[in-house]
Amino acid sequence: MAAYCLFLVKSVHDRSKLLEYWATAKSSFAGYNVKMLSGYKDFEVVEGNEDFKAVVIAAFDTYENAKTWYHSPAYAPFKKLRQEGANFLSIIVNGGGVPVEQRLLPENSSGK
């Protein structure tokens, strides 16, 4: 089942690092069959009080592939650039859903 990486930009402190990241990080996707679903497009926070500057959503074939890519040596130098350029909330989420009776039970309420 597909999985998604969500990157929510909270603040930017060094745009030059982000420019370098955007120009080079795509190479880290080799072998992961990544599809960019949305990147820096218009968005609206419709609930909550977080102030995000941008949203990026990338789709991976599986949850394991998404986690492997994010923690890979190939992505590490690019992740460092991204983190030096901006403050992000980054999330990897498995696609699909669970039955209502299994949602947010104490043992899985942390999202894991």
Protein backbone atom coordinates (compact mmCIF):
# COMPACT_ATOMS: atom_id res chain seq x y z
CA MET A 1 0.00 0.00 0.00
CA ALA A 2 1.20 3.52 -0.76
CA ALA A 3 2.71 5.79 1.87
CA TYR A 4 3.21 9.53 1.94
CA CYS A 5 5.87 11.93 3.17
CA LEU A 6 4.46 15.26 4.24
CA PHE A 7 6.76 18.20 4.75
CA LEU A 8 5.16 21.24 6.35
CA VAL A 9 7.37 24.33 6.27
CA LYS A 10 7.08 26.26 9.52
CA SER A 11 9.72 28.93 8.88
CA VAL A 12 12.58 29.72 6.52
CA HIS A 13 15.90 30.99 7.85
CA ASP A 14 18.31 30.39 4.94
CA ARG A 15 16.73 30.36 1.49
CA SER A 16 20.10 29.68 -0.17
CA LYS A 17 20.22 26.27 1.57
CA LEU A 18 16.71 25.52 0.31
CA LEU A 19 17.67 26.55 -3.21
CA GLU A 20 20.59 24.12 -3.08
CA TYR A 21 18.31 21.41 -1.65
CA TRP A 22 15.70 21.91 -4.39
CA ALA A 23 18.38 21.78 -7.08
CA THR A 24 19.98 18.55 -5.85
CA ALA A 25 17.77 16.45 -3.56
CA LYS A 26 15.79 14.79 -6.36
CA SER A 27 18.77 12.51 -7.01
CA SER A 28 18.14 10.82 -3.64
CA PHE A 29 14.83 9.46 -5.01
CA ALA A 30 16.62 7.06 -7.39
CA GLY A 31 15.24 3.56 -6.92
CA TYR A 32 12.31 4.61 -4.72
CA ASN A 33 9.62 5.28 -7.38
CA VAL A 34 8.58 8.56 -5.77
CA LYS A 35 5.73 10.65 -7.14
CA MET A 36 5.42 14.28 -6.09
CA LEU A 37 1.73 14.89 -5.41
CA SER A 38 2.02 18.50 -4.30
CA GLY A 39 4.89 20.87 -3.76
CA TYR A 40 4.70 24.48 -2.69
CA LYS A 41 1.23 24.94 -4.19
CA ASP A 42 -1.55 27.07 -2.72
CA PHE A 43 -2.97 25.70 0.53
CA GLU A 44 -5.14 26.82 3.41
CA VAL A 45 -5.03 25.76 7.05
CA VAL A 46 -8.73 25.21 7.66
CA GLU A 47 -8.49 24.01 11.24
CA GLY A 48 -5.95 24.65 13.97
CA ASN A 49 -3.64 27.56 14.60
CA GLU A 50 -0.35 26.42 13.06
CA ASP A 51 1.28 28.89 10.69
CA PHE A 52 2.79 26.90 7.85
CA LYS A 53 4.54 28.56 4.91
CA ALA A 54 4.35 25.64 2.46
CA VAL A 55 3.36 21.99 2.09
CA VAL A 56 5.03 19.16 0.14
CA ILE A 57 3.48 15.70 -0.33
CA ALA A 58 5.45 12.84 -1.89
CA ALA A 59 4.02 9.36 -2.54
CA PHE A 60 6.03 6.16 -2.17
CA ASP A 61 5.07 2.59 -3.09
CA THR A 62 5.24 1.41 0.52
CA TYR A 63 5.64 2.71 4.06
CA GLU A 64 8.95 0.86 4.36
CA ASN A 65 10.30 2.48 1.18
CA ALA A 66 9.36 5.92 2.48
CA LYS A 67 11.11 5.30 5.81
CA THR A 68 14.13 3.71 4.11
CA TRP A 69 14.49 6.72 1.78
CA TYR A 70 14.14 9.27 4.60
CA HIS A 71 16.78 7.54 6.75
CA SER A 72 19.07 6.60 3.84
CA PRO A 73 22.68 7.70 3.43
CA ALA A 74 21.68 9.01 -0.02
CA TYR A 75 19.19 11.47 1.48
CA ALA A 76 21.23 12.44 4.59
CA PRO A 77 23.23 15.34 3.05
CA PHE A 78 20.08 16.74 1.45
CA LYS A 79 18.09 16.41 4.68
CA LYS A 80 20.85 18.41 6.40
CA LEU A 81 20.56 21.16 3.76
CA ARG A 82 16.77 21.25 4.16
CA GLN A 83 17.04 21.45 7.92
CA GLU A 84 19.66 24.21 7.71
CA GLY A 85 17.36 26.19 5.43
CA ALA A 86 14.04 25.89 7.19
CA ASN A 87 12.11 24.50 10.11
CA PHE A 88 9.81 21.65 9.02
CA LEU A 89 7.24 19.33 10.51
CA SER A 90 7.96 16.10 8.60
CA ILE A 91 5.63 13.10 8.68
CA ILE A 92 5.64 9.68 7.03
CA VAL A 93 2.16 8.17 6.94
CA ASN A 94 0.95 4.82 5.69
CA GLY A 95 -1.87 4.96 3.14
CA GLY A 96 -5.31 3.54 3.83
CA GLY A 97 -7.18 3.46 7.10
CA VAL A 98 -8.09 1.24 10.00
CA PRO A 99 -11.57 0.19 11.08
CA VAL A 100 -13.39 2.64 13.35
CA GLU A 101 -13.23 0.30 16.34
CA GLN A 102 -9.40 0.26 16.12
CA ARG A 103 -8.82 4.02 15.83
CA LEU A 104 -6.95 5.89 18.55
CA LEU A 105 -6.85 3.11 21.10
CA PRO A 106 -4.34 3.73 23.91
CA GLU A 107 -1.74 1.42 22.35
CA ASN A 108 -1.77 3.22 18.98
CA SER A 109 -2.76 6.77 19.90
CA SER A 110 0.77 8.09 19.27
CA GLY A 111 0.41 7.43 15.55
CA LYS A 112 2.80 4.48 15.56
